[in-house]
Amino acid sequence: MDLRLLSSFLAVVEEGHFGRAAARLFLSPPAVTQHVRRLESEVGTRLLHRNPVSLTPAGARLVGHARGLLAAANAAMDDMAELVQDKEADVVRPLRVGIMGHGSAELTPAAINAYRRARPEVPVELRQLDFTEHVTALIEDSVDVAFVRPMPDDERVTADVLTTEQRIVVVPEASPLADARASGVRVADIADLPFFRLPSHTPRPFADYLYFNDEAQRRSRDFALTPQEVLTGVITGRAAGSGLKSFARYYGWPGAVYVPVLDAPWESSCLAVRANDANPEVRVFRALTIALAQELGPLVNR
């Protein structure tokens, strides 16, 4: 038996009028009339007198059954909704890890694998961050922890230094600076390199880091948001890039040459989290990563 027919039948009985029943059910009067007729056809007898509306003996008997059936259906739906809510509550929230570029070099996969071993029941989701997401990925709650560089300057974020490395520039093989890949250059030597551009909404600390606090003032026409875009501009001779020394280990592209910048201050990579984040999994991941940084730091900071 179609519960919609029973619902229309009861509404007419309780309202005493087909039009008012239709308004209550957000249906048209012809639709309610059709429902009652179909129900009468199914049970094989007239249930309602028309003009004025009143119950026939058969209709009076069906009212009790109809109310019981609809109540049972509503109870079943409530029970299923409660079950679904309980099931959703049991679902373990994943830990979302953001990684800018190669993160903190060898420390990044070591930390993720250590967390997976320590908390196998918690799913881990990895997300690659571009240069503009230095802090916004955390602030906008798209990740829970983030391997970024340099140290963020935002009170909504707290960060721990993981690695501290020498700075390098990335130039094409045809660049005059490519010959200094072993001996290195000074900041004054890189001032005229055509460093790639950043979108205007890139956080200032990241722009200062890439452009050596604006001592490298020349800009290419090309924009870049990822290391891959930087290297594409480099090997095609359109732009230059900068990074940490470990960058060379992770992005060994043919045609790209990595040159140490001898007098540039060394720079750090960090693990950043939202300030005062109460998520216990964030605290576990952070503690494991800091411990590993103390153990593996000498291998990375080389």
C-alpha atoms as a PDB file:
ATOM      1  CA  MET A   1       0.000   0.000   0.000  1.00  0.00           C
ATOM      2  CA  ASP A   2       1.369   3.423  -1.033  1.00  0.00           C
ATOM      3  CA  LEU A   3       1.946   5.492   2.105  1.00  0.00           C
ATOM      4  CA  ARG A   4       1.362   8.696   0.134  1.00  0.00           C
ATOM      5  CA  LEU A   5      -2.245   7.623  -0.466  1.00  0.00           C
ATOM      6  CA  LEU A   6      -2.737   6.987   3.233  1.00  0.00           C
ATOM      7  CA  SER A   7      -1.206  10.360   4.077  1.00  0.00           C
ATOM      8  CA  SER A   8      -3.601  12.177   1.735  1.00  0.00           C
ATOM      9  CA  PHE A   9      -6.573  10.183   3.063  1.00  0.00           C
ATOM     10  CA  LEU A  10      -5.762  11.072   6.698  1.00  0.00           C
ATOM     11  CA  ALA A  11      -5.218  14.734   5.844  1.00  0.00           C
ATOM     12  CA  VAL A  12      -8.702  14.933   4.272  1.00  0.00           C
ATOM     13  CA  VAL A  13     -10.208  13.180   7.299  1.00  0.00           C
ATOM     14  CA  GLU A  14      -8.470  15.517   9.770  1.00  0.00           C
ATOM     15  CA  GLU A  15      -9.096  18.716   7.787  1.00  0.00           C
ATOM     16  CA  GLY A  16     -12.610  17.756   6.684  1.00  0.00           C
ATOM     17  CA  HIS A  17     -11.932  19.356   3.324  1.00  0.00           C
ATOM     18  CA  PHE A  18      -9.984  18.348   0.202  1.00  0.00           C
ATOM     19  CA  GLY A  19      -8.661  21.873  -0.446  1.00  0.00           C
ATOM     20  CA  ARG A  20      -7.324  22.369   3.095  1.00  0.00           C
ATOM     21  CA  ALA A  21      -5.780  18.890   3.022  1.00  0.00           C
ATOM     22  CA  ALA A  22      -4.024  19.764  -0.259  1.00  0.00           C
ATOM     23  CA  ALA A  23      -2.622  22.991   1.227  1.00  0.00           C
ATOM     24  CA  ARG A  24      -1.348  21.103   4.281  1.00  0.00           C
ATOM     25  CA  LEU A  25       0.410  18.566   2.103  1.00  0.00           C
ATOM     26  CA  PHE A  26       1.693  21.160  -0.425  1.00  0.00           C
ATOM     27  CA  LEU A  27      -0.212  19.348  -3.166  1.00  0.00           C
ATOM     28  CA  SER A  28      -2.895  20.429  -5.584  1.00  0.00           C
ATOM     29  CA  PRO A  29      -6.549  19.552  -4.731  1.00  0.00           C
ATOM     30  CA  PRO A  30      -6.842  17.323  -7.853  1.00  0.00           C
ATOM     31  CA  ALA A  31      -3.738  15.374  -6.681  1.00  0.00           C
ATOM     32  CA  VAL A  32      -5.274  14.730  -3.247  1.00  0.00           C
ATOM     33  CA  THR A  33      -8.582  13.736  -4.840  1.00  0.00           C
ATOM     34  CA  GLN A  34      -6.724  11.321  -7.115  1.00  0.00           C
ATOM     35  CA  HIS A  35      -4.890   9.807  -4.134  1.00  0.00           C
ATOM     36  CA  VAL A  36      -8.148   9.117  -2.282  1.00  0.00           C
ATOM     37  CA  ARG A  37      -9.699   7.587  -5.395  1.00  0.00           C
ATOM     38  CA  ARG A  38      -6.701   5.306  -5.913  1.00  0.00           C
ATOM     39  CA  LEU A  39      -6.854   4.204  -2.284  1.00  0.00           C
ATOM     40  CA  GLU A  40     -10.553   3.465  -2.602  1.00  0.00           C
ATOM     41  CA  SER A  41      -9.804   1.448  -5.712  1.00  0.00           C
ATOM     42  CA  GLU A  42      -7.149  -0.566  -3.883  1.00  0.00           C
ATOM     43  CA  VAL A  43      -9.376  -1.429  -0.890  1.00  0.00           C
ATOM     44  CA  GLY A  44     -12.391  -1.986  -3.138  1.00  0.00           C
ATOM     45  CA  THR A  45     -14.857   0.347  -1.440  1.00  0.00           C
ATOM     46  CA  ARG A  46     -15.673   4.009  -0.871  1.00  0.00           C
ATOM     47  CA  LEU A  47     -13.904   5.503   2.137  1.00  0.00           C
ATOM     48  CA  LEU A  48     -15.204   9.079   2.163  1.00  0.00           C
ATOM     49  CA  HIS A  49     -18.503  10.779   1.459  1.00  0.00           C
ATOM     50  CA  ARG A  50     -18.090  14.022  -0.488  1.00  0.00           C
ATOM     51  CA  ASN A  51     -19.919  17.342   0.050  1.00  0.00           C
ATOM     52  CA  PRO A  52     -19.626  17.413   2.982  1.00  0.00           C
ATOM     53  CA  VAL A  53     -16.635  15.199   3.702  1.00  0.00           C
ATOM     54  CA  SER A  54     -17.364  12.369   6.144  1.00  0.00           C
ATOM     55  CA  LEU A  55     -16.131   8.853   6.745  1.00  0.00           C
ATOM     56  CA  THR A  56     -17.920   5.772   5.481  1.00  0.00           C
ATOM     57  CA  PRO A  57     -17.869   2.727   7.799  1.00  0.00           C
ATOM     58  CA  ALA A  58     -14.976   1.337   5.776  1.00  0.00           C
ATOM     59  CA  GLY A  59     -13.155   4.652   6.009  1.00  0.00           C
ATOM     60  CA  ALA A  60     -13.621   4.782   9.770  1.00  0.00           C
ATOM     61  CA  ARG A  61     -12.068   1.343  10.075  1.00  0.00           C
ATOM     62  CA  LEU A  62      -9.142   2.251   7.838  1.00  0.00           C
ATOM     63  CA  VAL A  63      -8.266   5.430   9.788  1.00  0.00           C
ATOM     64  CA  GLY A  64      -6.767   3.484  12.681  1.00  0.00           C
ATOM     65  CA  HIS A  65      -4.750   1.266  10.350  1.00  0.00           C
ATOM     66  CA  ALA A  66      -3.540   4.290   8.371  1.00  0.00           C
ATOM     67  CA  ARG A  67      -2.332   6.128  11.463  1.00  0.00           C
ATOM     68  CA  GLY A  68      -0.530   3.026  12.691  1.00  0.00           C
ATOM     69  CA  LEU A  69       1.155   2.412   9.338  1.00  0.00           C
ATOM     70  CA  LEU A  70       2.320   6.028   8.976  1.00  0.00           C
ATOM     71  CA  ALA A  71       3.562   6.104  12.557  1.00  0.00           C
ATOM     72  CA  ALA A  72       5.509   2.906  11.957  1.00  0.00           C
ATOM     73  CA  ALA A  73       7.008   4.337   8.761  1.00  0.00           C
ATOM     74  CA  ASN A  74       8.071   7.541  10.537  1.00  0.00           C
ATOM     75  CA  ALA A  75       9.580   5.524  13.387  1.00  0.00           C
ATOM     76  CA  ALA A  76      11.530   3.429  10.872  1.00  0.00           C
ATOM     77  CA  MET A  77      12.902   6.552   9.158  1.00  0.00           C
ATOM     78  CA  ASP A  78      13.891   8.092  12.509  1.00  0.00           C
ATOM     79  CA  ASP A  79      15.647   4.880  13.502  1.00  0.00           C
ATOM     80  CA  MET A  80      17.554   4.741  10.220  1.00  0.00           C
ATOM     81  CA  ALA A  81      18.546   8.417  10.514  1.00  0.00           C
ATOM     82  CA  GLU A  82      19.914   7.739  13.989  1.00  0.00           C
ATOM     83  CA  LEU A  83      21.843   4.734  12.676  1.00  0.00           C
ATOM     84  CA  VAL A  84      23.377   6.820   9.877  1.00  0.00           C
ATOM     85  CA  GLN A  85      24.375   9.556  12.337  1.00  0.00           C
ATOM     86  CA  ASP A  86      25.994   6.999  14.628  1.00  0.00           C
ATOM     87  CA  LYS A  87      27.846   5.487  11.682  1.00  0.00           C
ATOM     88  CA  GLU A  88      29.090   8.902  10.576  1.00  0.00           C
ATOM     89  CA  ALA A  89      30.213   9.626  14.128  1.00  0.00           C
ATOM     90  CA  ASP A  90      32.270   6.417  14.055  1.00  0.00           C
ATOM     91  CA  VAL A  91      34.108   7.446  10.882  1.00  0.00           C
ATOM     92  CA  VAL A  92      37.678   8.438  11.734  1.00  0.00           C
ATOM     93  CA  ARG A  93      38.582  11.878  10.473  1.00  0.00           C
ATOM     94  CA  PRO A  94      41.707  11.769   8.297  1.00  0.00           C
ATOM     95  CA  LEU A  95      44.791  13.795   9.096  1.00  0.00           C
ATOM     96  CA  ARG A  96      45.339  16.149   6.148  1.00  0.00           C
ATOM     97  CA  VAL A  97      49.000  16.885   5.462  1.00  0.00           C
ATOM     98  CA  GLY A  98      49.969  19.783   3.204  1.00  0.00           C
ATOM     99  CA  ILE A  99      53.373  19.745   1.505  1.00  0.00           C
ATOM    100  CA  MET A 100      54.870  22.748  -0.258  1.00  0.00           C
ATOM    101  CA  GLY A 101      57.314  21.553  -2.904  1.00  0.00           C
ATOM    102  CA  HIS A 102      59.473  18.832  -1.406  1.00  0.00           C
ATOM    103  CA  GLY A 103      58.524  19.859   2.125  1.00  0.00           C
ATOM    104  CA  SER A 104      61.351  19.371   4.604  1.00  0.00           C
ATOM    105  CA  ALA A 105      63.339  17.047   2.352  1.00  0.00           C
ATOM    106  CA  GLU A 106      63.890  13.510   3.712  1.00  0.00           C
ATOM    107  CA  LEU A 107      62.193  14.483   6.961  1.00  0.00           C
ATOM    108  CA  THR A 108      58.783  14.793   5.299  1.00  0.00           C
ATOM    109  CA  PRO A 109      58.281  11.129   4.285  1.00  0.00           C
ATOM    110  CA  ALA A 110      59.965   9.998   7.513  1.00  0.00           C
ATOM    111  CA  ALA A 111      57.425  11.936   9.598  1.00  0.00           C
ATOM    112  CA  ILE A 112      54.436  10.743   7.582  1.00  0.00           C
ATOM    113  CA  ASN A 113      55.541   7.107   7.763  1.00  0.00           C
ATOM    114  CA  ALA A 114      56.248   7.374  11.502  1.00  0.00           C
ATOM    115  CA  TYR A 115      52.757   8.751  12.083  1.00  0.00           C
ATOM    116  CA  ARG A 116      51.190   5.983   9.998  1.00  0.00           C
ATOM    117  CA  ARG A 117      53.001   3.381  12.086  1.00  0.00           C
ATOM    118  CA  ALA A 118      51.990   5.066  15.339  1.00  0.00           C
ATOM    119  CA  ARG A 119      48.368   5.698  14.328  1.00  0.00           C
ATOM    120  CA  PRO A 120      47.427   3.059  11.728  1.00  0.00           C
ATOM    121  CA  GLU A 121      43.712   3.577  12.346  1.00  0.00           C
ATOM    122  CA  VAL A 122      43.823   7.225  11.193  1.00  0.00           C
ATOM    123  CA  PRO A 123      43.760   7.804   7.416  1.00  0.00           C
ATOM    124  CA  VAL A 124      46.363  10.236   6.089  1.00  0.00           C
ATOM    125  CA  GLU A 125      45.550  12.508   3.145  1.00  0.00           C
ATOM    126  CA  LEU A 126      48.392  14.309   1.365  1.00  0.00           C
ATOM    127  CA  ARG A 127      47.874  17.587  -0.476  1.00  0.00           C
ATOM    128  CA  GLN A 128      50.419  19.461  -2.560  1.00  0.00           C
ATOM    129  CA  LEU A 129      50.494  23.174  -1.734  1.00  0.00           C
ATOM    130  CA  ASP A 130      51.447  25.969  -4.101  1.00  0.00           C
ATOM    131  CA  PHE A 131      53.444  29.070  -3.169  1.00  0.00           C
ATOM    132  CA  THR A 132      50.356  31.153  -2.347  1.00  0.00           C
ATOM    133  CA  GLU A 133      49.197  28.626   0.277  1.00  0.00           C
ATOM    134  CA  HIS A 134      52.028  29.359   2.691  1.00  0.00           C
ATOM    135  CA  VAL A 135      49.463  29.941   5.472  1.00  0.00           C
ATOM    136  CA  THR A 136      46.051  29.970   3.786  1.00  0.00           C
ATOM    137  CA  ALA A 137      45.783  26.179   3.517  1.00  0.00           C
ATOM    138  CA  LEU A 138      45.815  26.016   7.315  1.00  0.00           C
ATOM    139  CA  ILE A 139      43.712  29.112   7.947  1.00  0.00           C
ATOM    140  CA  GLU A 140      41.034  27.969   5.492  1.00  0.00           C
ATOM    141  CA  ASP A 141      41.055  24.476   7.057  1.00  0.00           C
ATOM    142  CA  SER A 142      41.989  22.573   3.924  1.00  0.00           C
ATOM    143  CA  VAL A 143      44.907  20.878   5.747  1.00  0.00           C
ATOM    144  CA  ASP A 144      45.692  20.118   9.402  1.00  0.00           C
ATOM    145  CA  VAL A 145      49.491  20.301   9.261  1.00  0.00           C
ATOM    146  CA  ALA A 146      51.747  21.771   6.587  1.00  0.00           C
ATOM    147  CA  PHE A 147      55.407  21.430   5.612  1.00  0.00           C
ATOM    148  CA  VAL A 148      56.243  24.949   4.413  1.00  0.00           C
ATOM    149  CA  ARG A 149      59.089  27.419   4.116  1.00  0.00           C
ATOM    150  CA  PRO A 150      60.064  29.890   5.387  1.00  0.00           C
ATOM    151  CA  MET A 151      58.693  30.432   8.926  1.00  0.00           C
ATOM    152  CA  PRO A 152      55.146  31.898   8.646  1.00  0.00           C
ATOM    153  CA  ASP A 153      54.487  35.316  10.144  1.00  0.00           C
ATOM    154  CA  ASP A 154      50.826  35.002  11.154  1.00  0.00           C
ATOM    155  CA  GLU A 155      49.410  34.833  14.680  1.00  0.00           C
ATOM    156  CA  ARG A 156      46.825  32.278  13.530  1.00  0.00           C
ATOM    157  CA  VAL A 157      49.615  29.801  12.769  1.00  0.00           C
ATOM    158  CA  THR A 158      52.399  28.317  14.870  1.00  0.00           C
ATOM    159  CA  ALA A 159      55.416  26.541  13.398  1.00  0.00           C
ATOM    160  CA  ASP A 160      58.453  24.478  14.369  1.00  0.00           C
ATOM    161  CA  VAL A 161      61.762  24.729  12.496  1.00  0.00           C
ATOM    162  CA  LEU A 162      62.682  21.349  11.030  1.00  0.00           C
ATOM    163  CA  THR A 163      65.637  21.997   8.701  1.00  0.00           C
ATOM    164  CA  THR A 164      68.012  24.895   8.152  1.00  0.00           C
ATOM    165  CA  GLU A 165      69.843  24.898   4.836  1.00  0.00           C
ATOM    166  CA  GLN A 166      72.052  26.888   2.529  1.00  0.00           C
ATOM    167  CA  ARG A 167      70.311  28.893  -0.188  1.00  0.00           C
ATOM    168  CA  ILE A 168      70.712  28.138  -3.891  1.00  0.00           C
ATOM    169  CA  VAL A 169      69.626  29.647  -7.190  1.00  0.00           C
ATOM    170  CA  VAL A 170      68.449  27.641 -10.198  1.00  0.00           C
ATOM    171  CA  VAL A 171      69.670  28.745 -13.617  1.00  0.00           C
ATOM    172  CA  PRO A 172      69.783  27.174 -17.104  1.00  0.00           C
ATOM    173  CA  GLU A 173      72.955  25.488 -18.309  1.00  0.00           C
ATOM    174  CA  ALA A 174      73.531  28.370 -20.734  1.00  0.00           C
ATOM    175  CA  SER A 175      73.682  30.926 -17.903  1.00  0.00           C
ATOM    176  CA  PRO A 176      77.115  32.406 -17.122  1.00  0.00           C
ATOM    177  CA  LEU A 177      76.479  31.508 -13.473  1.00  0.00           C
ATOM    178  CA  ALA A 178      76.212  27.801 -14.289  1.00  0.00           C
ATOM    179  CA  ASP A 179      80.015  27.528 -14.164  1.00  0.00           C
ATOM    180  CA  ALA A 180      79.870  28.428 -10.462  1.00  0.00           C
ATOM    181  CA  ARG A 181      77.862  25.343  -9.502  1.00  0.00           C
ATOM    182  CA  ALA A 182      80.795  24.078  -7.434  1.00  0.00           C
ATOM    183  CA  SER A 183      82.354  27.330  -6.212  1.00  0.00           C
ATOM    184  CA  GLY A 184      79.168  29.271  -5.557  1.00  0.00           C
ATOM    185  CA  VAL A 185      78.146  32.901  -6.069  1.00  0.00           C
ATOM    186  CA  ARG A 186      77.291  35.890  -3.904  1.00  0.00           C
ATOM    187  CA  VAL A 187      73.977  37.718  -3.615  1.00  0.00           C
ATOM    188  CA  ALA A 188      75.370  40.602  -5.658  1.00  0.00           C
ATOM    189  CA  ASP A 189      76.023  38.171  -8.530  1.00  0.00           C
ATOM    190  CA  ILE A 190      72.354  37.142  -8.800  1.00  0.00           C
ATOM    191  CA  ALA A 191      70.769  40.603  -8.739  1.00  0.00           C
ATOM    192  CA  ASP A 192      70.183  40.632 -12.503  1.00  0.00           C
ATOM    193  CA  LEU A 193      68.729  37.126 -12.830  1.00  0.00           C
ATOM    194  CA  PRO A 194      65.150  37.142 -14.202  1.00  0.00           C
ATOM    195  CA  PHE A 195      63.391  35.599 -11.195  1.00  0.00           C
ATOM    196  CA  PHE A 196      59.882  34.334 -11.886  1.00  0.00           C
ATOM    197  CA  ARG A 197      56.907  36.375 -10.700  1.00  0.00           C
ATOM    198  CA  LEU A 198      54.451  35.509  -7.914  1.00  0.00           C
ATOM    199  CA  PRO A 199      50.719  36.347  -7.722  1.00  0.00           C
ATOM    200  CA  SER A 200      49.986  39.475  -5.698  1.00  0.00           C
ATOM    201  CA  HIS A 201      48.239  37.482  -2.936  1.00  0.00           C
ATOM    202  CA  THR A 202      51.370  35.447  -2.154  1.00  0.00           C
ATOM    203  CA  PRO A 203      52.304  35.949   1.544  1.00  0.00           C
ATOM    204  CA  ARG A 204      55.077  38.493   1.988  1.00  0.00           C
ATOM    205  CA  PRO A 205      57.417  36.165   3.959  1.00  0.00           C
ATOM    206  CA  PHE A 206      57.438  33.709   1.062  1.00  0.00           C
ATOM    207  CA  ALA A 207      58.153  36.435  -1.508  1.00  0.00           C
ATOM    208  CA  ASP A 208      60.968  37.807   0.669  1.00  0.00           C
ATOM    209  CA  TYR A 209      62.415  34.311   0.891  1.00  0.00           C
ATOM    210  CA  LEU A 210      62.335  33.689  -2.862  1.00  0.00           C
ATOM    211  CA  TYR A 211      63.764  37.091  -3.797  1.00  0.00           C
ATOM    212  CA  PHE A 212      66.436  37.216  -1.053  1.00  0.00           C
ATOM    213  CA  ASN A 213      64.625  40.075   0.711  1.00  0.00           C
ATOM    214  CA  ASP A 214      64.273  41.844  -2.628  1.00  0.00           C
ATOM    215  CA  GLU A 215      68.010  41.948  -3.282  1.00  0.00           C
ATOM    216  CA  ALA A 216      67.216  39.984  -6.438  1.00  0.00           C
ATOM    217  CA  GLN A 217      65.083  42.675  -8.056  1.00  0.00           C
ATOM    218  CA  ARG A 218      64.735  41.662 -11.692  1.00  0.00           C
ATOM    219  CA  ARG A 219      61.568  39.768 -12.666  1.00  0.00           C
ATOM    220  CA  SER A 220      60.782  37.480 -15.575  1.00  0.00           C
ATOM    221  CA  ARG A 221      57.486  37.800 -17.416  1.00  0.00           C
ATOM    222  CA  ASP A 222      56.597  34.272 -16.268  1.00  0.00           C
ATOM    223  CA  PHE A 223      54.603  33.467 -13.144  1.00  0.00           C
ATOM    224  CA  ALA A 224      55.142  30.300 -11.111  1.00  0.00           C
ATOM    225  CA  LEU A 225      53.167  28.640  -8.307  1.00  0.00           C
ATOM    226  CA  THR A 226      55.013  25.315  -8.029  1.00  0.00           C
ATOM    227  CA  PRO A 227      58.589  24.029  -8.298  1.00  0.00           C
ATOM    228  CA  GLN A 228      57.674  22.318 -11.560  1.00  0.00           C
ATOM    229  CA  GLU A 229      56.624  25.648 -13.074  1.00  0.00           C
ATOM    230  CA  VAL A 230      59.845  27.239 -11.827  1.00  0.00           C
ATOM    231  CA  LEU A 231      61.967  24.550 -13.459  1.00  0.00           C
ATOM    232  CA  THR A 232      60.019  24.723 -16.703  1.00  0.00           C
ATOM    233  CA  GLY A 233      60.822  28.440 -16.881  1.00  0.00           C
ATOM    234  CA  VAL A 234      64.470  27.776 -16.021  1.00  0.00           C
ATOM    235  CA  ILE A 235      65.207  25.088 -18.586  1.00  0.00           C
ATOM    236  CA  THR A 236      63.484  27.090 -21.332  1.00  0.00           C
ATOM    237  CA  GLY A 237      65.623  30.123 -20.485  1.00  0.00           C
ATOM    238  CA  ARG A 238      62.721  32.349 -19.447  1.00  0.00           C
ATOM    239  CA  ALA A 239      63.255  32.620 -15.677  1.00  0.00           C
ATOM    240  CA  ALA A 240      65.447  31.833 -12.667  1.00  0.00           C
ATOM    241  CA  GLY A 241      64.426  30.414  -9.327  1.00  0.00           C
ATOM    242  CA  SER A 242      65.711  30.029  -5.790  1.00  0.00           C
ATOM    243  CA  GLY A 243      65.326  27.502  -3.003  1.00  0.00           C
ATOM    244  CA  LEU A 244      67.039  25.472  -0.319  1.00  0.00           C
ATOM    245  CA  LYS A 245      70.044  23.245  -1.013  1.00  0.00           C
ATOM    246  CA  SER A 246      67.955  20.058  -0.732  1.00  0.00           C
ATOM    247  CA  PHE A 247      65.904  21.299  -3.697  1.00  0.00           C
ATOM    248  CA  ALA A 248      68.676  19.997  -5.963  1.00  0.00           C
ATOM    249  CA  ARG A 249      68.298  16.459  -4.584  1.00  0.00           C
ATOM    250  CA  TYR A 250      64.596  16.358  -5.341  1.00  0.00           C
ATOM    251  CA  TYR A 251      64.421  18.220  -8.642  1.00  0.00           C
ATOM    252  CA  GLY A 252      67.309  17.011 -10.763  1.00  0.00           C
ATOM    253  CA  TRP A 253      65.957  18.222 -14.097  1.00  0.00           C
ATOM    254  CA  PRO A 254      68.228  18.043 -17.167  1.00  0.00           C
ATOM    255  CA  GLY A 255      69.175  21.570 -18.169  1.00  0.00           C
ATOM    256  CA  ALA A 256      68.748  23.027 -14.657  1.00  0.00           C
ATOM    257  CA  VAL A 257      71.870  23.962 -12.677  1.00  0.00           C
ATOM    258  CA  TYR A 258      71.888  24.600  -8.914  1.00  0.00           C
ATOM    259  CA  VAL A 259      74.325  27.202  -7.664  1.00  0.00           C
ATOM    260  CA  PRO A 260      75.002  27.858  -3.931  1.00  0.00           C
ATOM    261  CA  VAL A 261      74.598  31.461  -2.743  1.00  0.00           C
ATOM    262  CA  LEU A 262      77.468  31.781  -0.298  1.00  0.00           C
ATOM    263  CA  ASP A 263      76.602  34.964   1.600  1.00  0.00           C
ATOM    264  CA  ALA A 264      72.815  34.570   1.761  1.00  0.00           C
ATOM    265  CA  PRO A 265      71.454  33.750   5.233  1.00  0.00           C
ATOM    266  CA  TRP A 266      70.545  30.113   5.587  1.00  0.00           C
ATOM    267  CA  GLU A 267      66.817  29.509   5.604  1.00  0.00           C
ATOM    268  CA  SER A 268      64.491  27.057   7.348  1.00  0.00           C
ATOM    269  CA  SER A 269      61.663  24.743   6.480  1.00  0.00           C
ATOM    270  CA  CYS A 270      58.940  24.308   9.084  1.00  0.00           C
ATOM    271  CA  LEU A 271      55.996  22.239  10.199  1.00  0.00           C
ATOM    272  CA  ALA A 272      53.089  24.667  10.599  1.00  0.00           C
ATOM    273  CA  VAL A 273      49.763  24.067  12.367  1.00  0.00           C
ATOM    274  CA  ARG A 274      46.818  26.227  13.374  1.00  0.00           C
ATOM    275  CA  ALA A 275      47.476  28.005  16.655  1.00  0.00           C
ATOM    276  CA  ASN A 276      45.712  26.295  19.564  1.00  0.00           C
ATOM    277  CA  ASP A 277      44.435  23.444  17.390  1.00  0.00           C
ATOM    278  CA  ALA A 278      42.825  20.955  19.797  1.00  0.00           C
ATOM    279  CA  ASN A 279      42.931  18.018  17.372  1.00  0.00           C
ATOM    280  CA  PRO A 280      44.907  15.315  19.247  1.00  0.00           C
ATOM    281  CA  GLU A 281      46.159  13.842  15.965  1.00  0.00           C
ATOM    282  CA  VAL A 282      47.813  17.156  15.115  1.00  0.00           C
ATOM    283  CA  ARG A 283      49.630  17.054  18.437  1.00  0.00           C
ATOM    284  CA  VAL A 284      50.785  13.464  17.809  1.00  0.00           C
ATOM    285  CA  PHE A 285      52.039  14.294  14.308  1.00  0.00           C
ATOM    286  CA  ARG A 286      53.799  17.416  15.528  1.00  0.00           C
ATOM    287  CA  ALA A 287      55.545  15.604  18.388  1.00  0.00           C
ATOM    288  CA  LEU A 288      56.730  12.793  16.114  1.00  0.00           C
ATOM    289  CA  THR A 289      58.001  15.253  13.504  1.00  0.00           C
ATOM    290  CA  ILE A 290      59.928  17.360  16.013  1.00  0.00           C
ATOM    291  CA  ALA A 291      61.556  14.231  17.444  1.00  0.00           C
ATOM    292  CA  LEU A 292      62.557  13.061  13.979  1.00  0.00           C
ATOM    293  CA  ALA A 293      63.934  16.511  13.123  1.00  0.00           C
ATOM    294  CA  GLN A 294      66.313  16.249  16.071  1.00  0.00           C
ATOM    295  CA  GLU A 295      67.396  12.794  14.921  1.00  0.00           C
ATOM    296  CA  LEU A 296      67.598  13.355  11.145  1.00  0.00           C
ATOM    297  CA  GLY A 297      68.513  17.045  11.107  1.00  0.00           C
ATOM    298  CA  PRO A 298      72.248  16.497  10.570  1.00  0.00           C
ATOM    299  CA  LEU A 299      71.488  14.352   7.514  1.00  0.00           C
ATOM    300  CA  VAL A 300      69.224  16.977   5.941  1.00  0.00           C
ATOM    301  CA  ASN A 301      71.064  20.173   6.927  1.00  0.00           C
ATOM    302  CA  ARG A 302      74.079  19.458   4.766  1.00  0.00           C
END
